[in-house]
Amino acid sequence: MQSAKAEHRKSVWIDLDNSPHIPFFWPIIRRFEENDYSVRLTARNCFQVCGLADFYKLKYKSIGKH
């Protein structure tokens, strides 16, 4: 059973589908995490998106292509 705090935790989903999204969203993702948001990331396997996400040490689920 989850705690009451975990059940009401806010969550954000960001779909990274182009390489400029990584440096743009990276500080935003960190800020969400600092404020106790659950951040879920998906990344398209194109335009070096997954490579950049790996470089920034982001945890993501790779989905689809362009």
PDB file of N, CA and C in Angstrom:
ATOM      1  N   MET A   1       0.840  -1.181   0.000  1.00  0.00           N
ATOM      2  CA  MET A   1       0.000   0.000   0.000  1.00  0.00           C
ATOM      3  C   MET A   1       0.887   1.247   0.000  1.00  0.00           C
ATOM      4  N   GLN A   2       0.546   2.213  -0.828  1.00  0.00           N
ATOM      5  CA  GLN A   2       1.316   3.437  -0.913  1.00  0.00           C
ATOM      6  C   GLN A   2       0.929   4.399   0.194  1.00  0.00           C
ATOM      7  N   SER A   3       1.887   5.238   0.555  1.00  0.00           N
ATOM      8  CA  SER A   3       1.581   6.251   1.560  1.00  0.00           C
ATOM      9  C   SER A   3       0.666   7.305   0.953  1.00  0.00           C
ATOM     10  N   ALA A   4       0.018   8.075   1.804  1.00  0.00           N
ATOM     11  CA  ALA A   4      -0.881   9.135   1.334  1.00  0.00           C
ATOM     12  C   ALA A   4      -0.115  10.150   0.500  1.00  0.00           C
ATOM     13  N   LYS A   5       1.125  10.444   0.902  1.00  0.00           N
ATOM     14  CA  LYS A   5       1.928  11.403   0.150  1.00  0.00           C
ATOM     15  C   LYS A   5       2.217  10.884  -1.252  1.00  0.00           C
ATOM     16  N   ALA A   6       2.568   9.614  -1.381  1.00  0.00           N
ATOM     17  CA  ALA A   6       2.881   9.030  -2.689  1.00  0.00           C
ATOM     18  C   ALA A   6       1.644   8.998  -3.580  1.00  0.00           C
ATOM     19  N   GLU A   7       0.481   8.753  -2.993  1.00  0.00           N
ATOM     20  CA  GLU A   7      -0.739   8.690  -3.785  1.00  0.00           C
ATOM     21  C   GLU A   7      -1.094  10.045  -4.373  1.00  0.00           C
ATOM     22  N   HIS A   8      -0.736  11.131  -3.713  1.00  0.00           N
ATOM     23  CA  HIS A   8      -1.080  12.465  -4.176  1.00  0.00           C
ATOM     24  C   HIS A   8       0.100  13.184  -4.825  1.00  0.00           C
ATOM     25  N   ARG A   9       1.159  12.464  -5.084  1.00  0.00           N
ATOM     26  CA  ARG A   9       2.337  13.060  -5.704  1.00  0.00           C
ATOM     27  C   ARG A   9       1.999  13.491  -7.126  1.00  0.00           C
ATOM     28  N   LYS A  10       2.379  14.696  -7.472  1.00  0.00           N
ATOM     29  CA  LYS A  10       2.114  15.210  -8.809  1.00  0.00           C
ATOM     30  C   LYS A  10       3.084  14.570  -9.795  1.00  0.00           C
ATOM     31  N   SER A  11       2.622  14.382 -11.009  1.00  0.00           N
ATOM     32  CA  SER A  11       3.492  13.783 -12.009  1.00  0.00           C
ATOM     33  C   SER A  11       3.447  14.580 -13.311  1.00  0.00           C
ATOM     34  N   VAL A  12       4.551  14.488 -14.036  1.00  0.00           N
ATOM     35  CA  VAL A  12       4.710  15.186 -15.304  1.00  0.00           C
ATOM     36  C   VAL A  12       5.257  14.189 -16.314  1.00  0.00           C
ATOM     37  N   TRP A  13       4.730  14.244 -17.517  1.00  0.00           N
ATOM     38  CA  TRP A  13       5.244  13.413 -18.598  1.00  0.00           C
ATOM     39  C   TRP A  13       5.787  14.346 -19.666  1.00  0.00           C
ATOM     40  N   ILE A  14       7.022  14.091 -20.092  1.00  0.00           N
ATOM     41  CA  ILE A  14       7.648  14.875 -21.157  1.00  0.00           C
ATOM     42  C   ILE A  14       8.104  13.911 -22.238  1.00  0.00           C
ATOM     43  N   ASP A  15       7.703  14.190 -23.473  1.00  0.00           N
ATOM     44  CA  ASP A  15       8.113  13.390 -24.620  1.00  0.00           C
ATOM     45  C   ASP A  15       9.217  14.150 -25.355  1.00  0.00           C
ATOM     46  N   LEU A  16      10.402  13.609 -25.330  1.00  0.00           N
ATOM     47  CA  LEU A  16      11.556  14.225 -25.976  1.00  0.00           C
ATOM     48  C   LEU A  16      11.616  13.706 -27.412  1.00  0.00           C
ATOM     49  N   ASP A  17      11.306  14.562 -28.377  1.00  0.00           N
ATOM     50  CA  ASP A  17      11.272  14.071 -29.759  1.00  0.00           C
ATOM     51  C   ASP A  17      12.210  14.802 -30.714  1.00  0.00           C
ATOM     52  N   ASN A  18      13.050  15.680 -30.167  1.00  0.00           N
ATOM     53  CA  ASN A  18      14.039  16.357 -30.998  1.00  0.00           C
ATOM     54  C   ASN A  18      15.215  16.737 -30.098  1.00  0.00           C
ATOM     55  N   SER A  19      16.418  16.730 -30.647  1.00  0.00           N
ATOM     56  CA  SER A  19      17.610  16.927 -29.821  1.00  0.00           C
ATOM     57  C   SER A  19      17.624  18.236 -29.019  1.00  0.00           C
ATOM     58  N   PRO A  20      17.091  19.356 -29.500  1.00  0.00           N
ATOM     59  CA  PRO A  20      17.090  20.563 -28.663  1.00  0.00           C
ATOM     60  C   PRO A  20      16.238  20.445 -27.398  1.00  0.00           C
ATOM     61  N   HIS A  21      15.350  19.464 -27.360  1.00  0.00           N
ATOM     62  CA  HIS A  21      14.519  19.292 -26.168  1.00  0.00           C
ATOM     63  C   HIS A  21      15.345  18.900 -24.951  1.00  0.00           C
ATOM     64  N   ILE A  22      16.448  18.191 -25.158  1.00  0.00           N
ATOM     65  CA  ILE A  22      17.235  17.702 -24.023  1.00  0.00           C
ATOM     66  C   ILE A  22      17.802  18.860 -23.198  1.00  0.00           C
ATOM     67  N   PRO A  23      18.623  19.752 -23.794  1.00  0.00           N
ATOM     68  CA  PRO A  23      19.155  20.850 -22.971  1.00  0.00           C
ATOM     69  C   PRO A  23      18.079  21.839 -22.520  1.00  0.00           C
ATOM     70  N   PHE A  24      16.985  21.930 -23.267  1.00  0.00           N
ATOM     71  CA  PHE A  24      15.897  22.827 -22.864  1.00  0.00           C
ATOM     72  C   PHE A  24      15.187  22.302 -21.622  1.00  0.00           C
ATOM     73  N   PHE A  25      14.813  21.016 -21.648  1.00  0.00           N
ATOM     74  CA  PHE A  25      14.034  20.450 -20.549  1.00  0.00           C
ATOM     75  C   PHE A  25      14.870  20.019 -19.350  1.00  0.00           C
ATOM     76  N   TRP A  26      16.171  19.812 -19.518  1.00  0.00           N
ATOM     77  CA  TRP A  26      16.997  19.296 -18.430  1.00  0.00           C
ATOM     78  C   TRP A  26      16.853  20.112 -17.149  1.00  0.00           C
ATOM     79  N   PRO A  27      17.007  21.445 -17.168  1.00  0.00           N
ATOM     80  CA  PRO A  27      16.834  22.192 -15.904  1.00  0.00           C
ATOM     81  C   PRO A  27      15.388  22.167 -15.390  1.00  0.00           C
ATOM     82  N   ILE A  28      14.441  22.072 -16.294  1.00  0.00           N
ATOM     83  CA  ILE A  28      13.026  22.011 -15.898  1.00  0.00           C
ATOM     84  C   ILE A  28      12.749  20.686 -15.195  1.00  0.00           C
ATOM     85  N   ILE A  29      13.293  19.610 -15.736  1.00  0.00           N
ATOM     86  CA  ILE A  29      13.131  18.288 -15.130  1.00  0.00           C
ATOM     87  C   ILE A  29      13.717  18.290 -13.724  1.00  0.00           C
ATOM     88  N   ARG A  30      14.907  18.853 -13.577  1.00  0.00           N
ATOM     89  CA  ARG A  30      15.556  18.917 -12.260  1.00  0.00           C
ATOM     90  C   ARG A  30      14.701  19.715 -11.272  1.00  0.00           C
ATOM     91  N   ARG A  31      14.136  20.804 -11.719  1.00  0.00           N
ATOM     92  CA  ARG A  31      13.301  21.633 -10.846  1.00  0.00           C
ATOM     93  C   ARG A  31      12.054  20.866 -10.409  1.00  0.00           C
ATOM     94  N   PHE A  32      11.417  20.164 -11.357  1.00  0.00           N
ATOM     95  CA  PHE A  32      10.263  19.338 -10.991  1.00  0.00           C
ATOM     96  C   PHE A  32      10.655  18.318  -9.922  1.00  0.00           C
ATOM     97  N   GLU A  33      11.773  17.637 -10.127  1.00  0.00           N
ATOM     98  CA  GLU A  33      12.210  16.618  -9.167  1.00  0.00           C
ATOM     99  C   GLU A  33      12.520  17.233  -7.804  1.00  0.00           C
ATOM    100  N   GLU A  34      13.124  18.400  -7.786  1.00  0.00           N
ATOM    101  CA  GLU A  34      13.406  19.087  -6.514  1.00  0.00           C
ATOM    102  C   GLU A  34      12.124  19.420  -5.762  1.00  0.00           C
ATOM    103  N   ASN A  35      11.036  19.595  -6.498  1.00  0.00           N
ATOM    104  CA  ASN A  35       9.749  19.939  -5.889  1.00  0.00           C
ATOM    105  C   ASN A  35       8.834  18.730  -5.758  1.00  0.00           C
ATOM    106  N   ASP A  36       9.443  17.534  -5.717  1.00  0.00           N
ATOM    107  CA  ASP A  36       8.754  16.277  -5.427  1.00  0.00           C
ATOM    108  C   ASP A  36       7.723  15.860  -6.487  1.00  0.00           C
ATOM    109  N   TYR A  37       7.966  16.216  -7.736  1.00  0.00           N
ATOM    110  CA  TYR A  37       7.143  15.720  -8.829  1.00  0.00           C
ATOM    111  C   TYR A  37       7.732  14.409  -9.327  1.00  0.00           C
ATOM    112  N   SER A  38       6.870  13.532  -9.773  1.00  0.00           N
ATOM    113  CA  SER A  38       7.307  12.341 -10.466  1.00  0.00           C
ATOM    114  C   SER A  38       7.434  12.714 -11.943  1.00  0.00           C
ATOM    115  N   VAL A  39       8.614  12.574 -12.517  1.00  0.00           N
ATOM    116  CA  VAL A  39       8.839  12.951 -13.908  1.00  0.00           C
ATOM    117  C   VAL A  39       9.029  11.692 -14.731  1.00  0.00           C
ATOM    118  N   ARG A  40       8.208  11.539 -15.748  1.00  0.00           N
ATOM    119  CA  ARG A  40       8.317  10.402 -16.664  1.00  0.00           C
ATOM    120  C   ARG A  40       8.720  10.936 -18.017  1.00  0.00           C
ATOM    121  N   LEU A  41       9.741  10.308 -18.579  1.00  0.00           N
ATOM    122  CA  LEU A  41      10.266  10.753 -19.865  1.00  0.00           C
ATOM    123  C   LEU A  41      10.144   9.648 -20.897  1.00  0.00           C
ATOM    124  N   THR A  42       9.737  10.042 -22.097  1.00  0.00           N
ATOM    125  CA  THR A  42       9.833   9.177 -23.249  1.00  0.00           C
ATOM    126  C   THR A  42      10.723   9.900 -24.257  1.00  0.00           C
ATOM    127  N   ALA A  43      11.427   9.114 -25.064  1.00  0.00           N
ATOM    128  CA  ALA A  43      12.350   9.701 -26.030  1.00  0.00           C
ATOM    129  C   ALA A  43      12.243   8.963 -27.353  1.00  0.00           C
ATOM    130  N   ARG A  44      12.237   9.726 -28.432  1.00  0.00           N
ATOM    131  CA  ARG A  44      12.205   9.143 -29.770  1.00  0.00           C
ATOM    132  C   ARG A  44      13.616   8.726 -30.155  1.00  0.00           C
ATOM    133  N   ASN A  45      13.725   7.577 -30.788  1.00  0.00           N
ATOM    134  CA  ASN A  45      15.021   7.078 -31.209  1.00  0.00           C
ATOM    135  C   ASN A  45      15.380   7.680 -32.570  1.00  0.00           C
ATOM    136  N   CYS A  46      15.599   8.994 -32.602  1.00  0.00           N
ATOM    137  CA  CYS A  46      15.991   9.705 -33.819  1.00  0.00           C
ATOM    138  C   CYS A  46      16.641  11.023 -33.439  1.00  0.00           C
ATOM    139  N   PHE A  47      17.336  11.624 -34.376  1.00  0.00           N
ATOM    140  CA  PHE A  47      17.958  12.944 -34.181  1.00  0.00           C
ATOM    141  C   PHE A  47      18.864  13.010 -32.950  1.00  0.00           C
ATOM    142  N   GLN A  48      19.521  11.923 -32.607  1.00  0.00           N
ATOM    143  CA  GLN A  48      20.442  11.851 -31.466  1.00  0.00           C
ATOM    144  C   GLN A  48      19.760  12.119 -30.119  1.00  0.00           C
ATOM    145  N   VAL A  49      18.448  11.982 -30.073  1.00  0.00           N
ATOM    146  CA  VAL A  49      17.709  12.258 -28.838  1.00  0.00           C
ATOM    147  C   VAL A  49      18.139  11.299 -27.722  1.00  0.00           C
ATOM    148  N   CYS A  50      18.158  10.012 -28.000  1.00  0.00           N
ATOM    149  CA  CYS A  50      18.519   9.044 -26.957  1.00  0.00           C
ATOM    150  C   CYS A  50      19.978   9.215 -26.540  1.00  0.00           C
ATOM    151  N   GLY A  51      20.862   9.498 -27.479  1.00  0.00           N
ATOM    152  CA  GLY A  51      22.264   9.722 -27.145  1.00  0.00           C
ATOM    153  C   GLY A  51      22.446  10.916 -26.230  1.00  0.00           C
ATOM    154  N   LEU A  52      21.753  11.997 -26.510  1.00  0.00           N
ATOM    155  CA  LEU A  52      21.832  13.181 -25.648  1.00  0.00           C
ATOM    156  C   LEU A  52      21.198  12.921 -24.288  1.00  0.00           C
ATOM    157  N   ALA A  53      20.084  12.208 -24.276  1.00  0.00           N
ATOM    158  CA  ALA A  53      19.438  11.880 -22.998  1.00  0.00           C
ATOM    159  C   ALA A  53      20.377  11.030 -22.148  1.00  0.00           C
ATOM    160  N   ASP A  54      21.087  10.106 -22.772  1.00  0.00           N
ATOM    161  CA  ASP A  54      22.078   9.300 -22.049  1.00  0.00           C
ATOM    162  C   ASP A  54      23.204  10.192 -21.518  1.00  0.00           C
ATOM    163  N   PHE A  55      23.666  11.130 -22.330  1.00  0.00           N
ATOM    164  CA  PHE A  55      24.733  12.047 -21.925  1.00  0.00           C
ATOM    165  C   PHE A  55      24.321  12.849 -20.693  1.00  0.00           C
ATOM    166  N   TYR A  56      23.073  13.288 -20.647  1.00  0.00           N
ATOM    167  CA  TYR A  56      22.559  14.055 -19.506  1.00  0.00           C
ATOM    168  C   TYR A  56      22.104  13.146 -18.359  1.00  0.00           C
ATOM    169  N   LYS A  57      22.277  11.840 -18.542  1.00  0.00           N
ATOM    170  CA  LYS A  57      21.905  10.836 -17.529  1.00  0.00           C
ATOM    171  C   LYS A  57      20.421  10.885 -17.163  1.00  0.00           C
ATOM    172  N   LEU A  58      19.591  11.074 -18.167  1.00  0.00           N
ATOM    173  CA  LEU A  58      18.143  11.073 -17.972  1.00  0.00           C
ATOM    174  C   LEU A  58      17.621   9.655 -18.088  1.00  0.00           C
ATOM    175  N   LYS A  59      16.660   9.325 -17.241  1.00  0.00           N
ATOM    176  CA  LYS A  59      16.017   8.013 -17.311  1.00  0.00           C
ATOM    177  C   LYS A  59      14.768   8.167 -18.169  1.00  0.00           C
ATOM    178  N   TYR A  60      14.696   7.424 -19.237  1.00  0.00           N
ATOM    179  CA  TYR A  60      13.600   7.574 -20.195  1.00  0.00           C
ATOM    180  C   TYR A  60      13.227   6.213 -20.764  1.00  0.00           C
ATOM    181  N   LYS A  61      12.091   6.164 -21.419  1.00  0.00           N
ATOM    182  CA  LYS A  61      11.675   4.989 -22.161  1.00  0.00           C
ATOM    183  C   LYS A  61      11.754   5.364 -23.640  1.00  0.00           C
ATOM    184  N   SER A  62      12.532   4.611 -24.375  1.00  0.00           N
ATOM    185  CA  SER A  62      12.670   4.865 -25.808  1.00  0.00           C
ATOM    186  C   SER A  62      11.436   4.321 -26.529  1.00  0.00           C
ATOM    187  N   ILE A  63      10.793   5.205 -27.316  1.00  0.00           N
ATOM    188  CA  ILE A  63       9.621   4.798 -28.079  1.00  0.00           C
ATOM    189  C   ILE A  63       9.751   5.269 -29.509  1.00  0.00           C
ATOM    190  N   GLY A  64       9.342   4.448 -30.412  1.00  0.00           N
ATOM    191  CA  GLY A  64       9.208   4.823 -31.811  1.00  0.00           C
ATOM    192  C   GLY A  64      10.413   5.492 -32.443  1.00  0.00           C
ATOM    193  N   LYS A  65      10.136   6.036 -33.598  1.00  0.00           N
ATOM    194  CA  LYS A  65      11.104   6.777 -34.393  1.00  0.00           C
ATOM    195  C   LYS A  65      10.433   8.038 -34.876  1.00  0.00           C
ATOM    196  N   HIS A  66      11.083   8.733 -35.754  1.00  0.00           N
ATOM    197  CA  HIS A  66      10.491   9.951 -36.317  1.00  0.00           C
ATOM    198  C   HIS A  66       9.261   9.584 -37.110  1.00  0.00           C
TER     199      HIS A  66
END
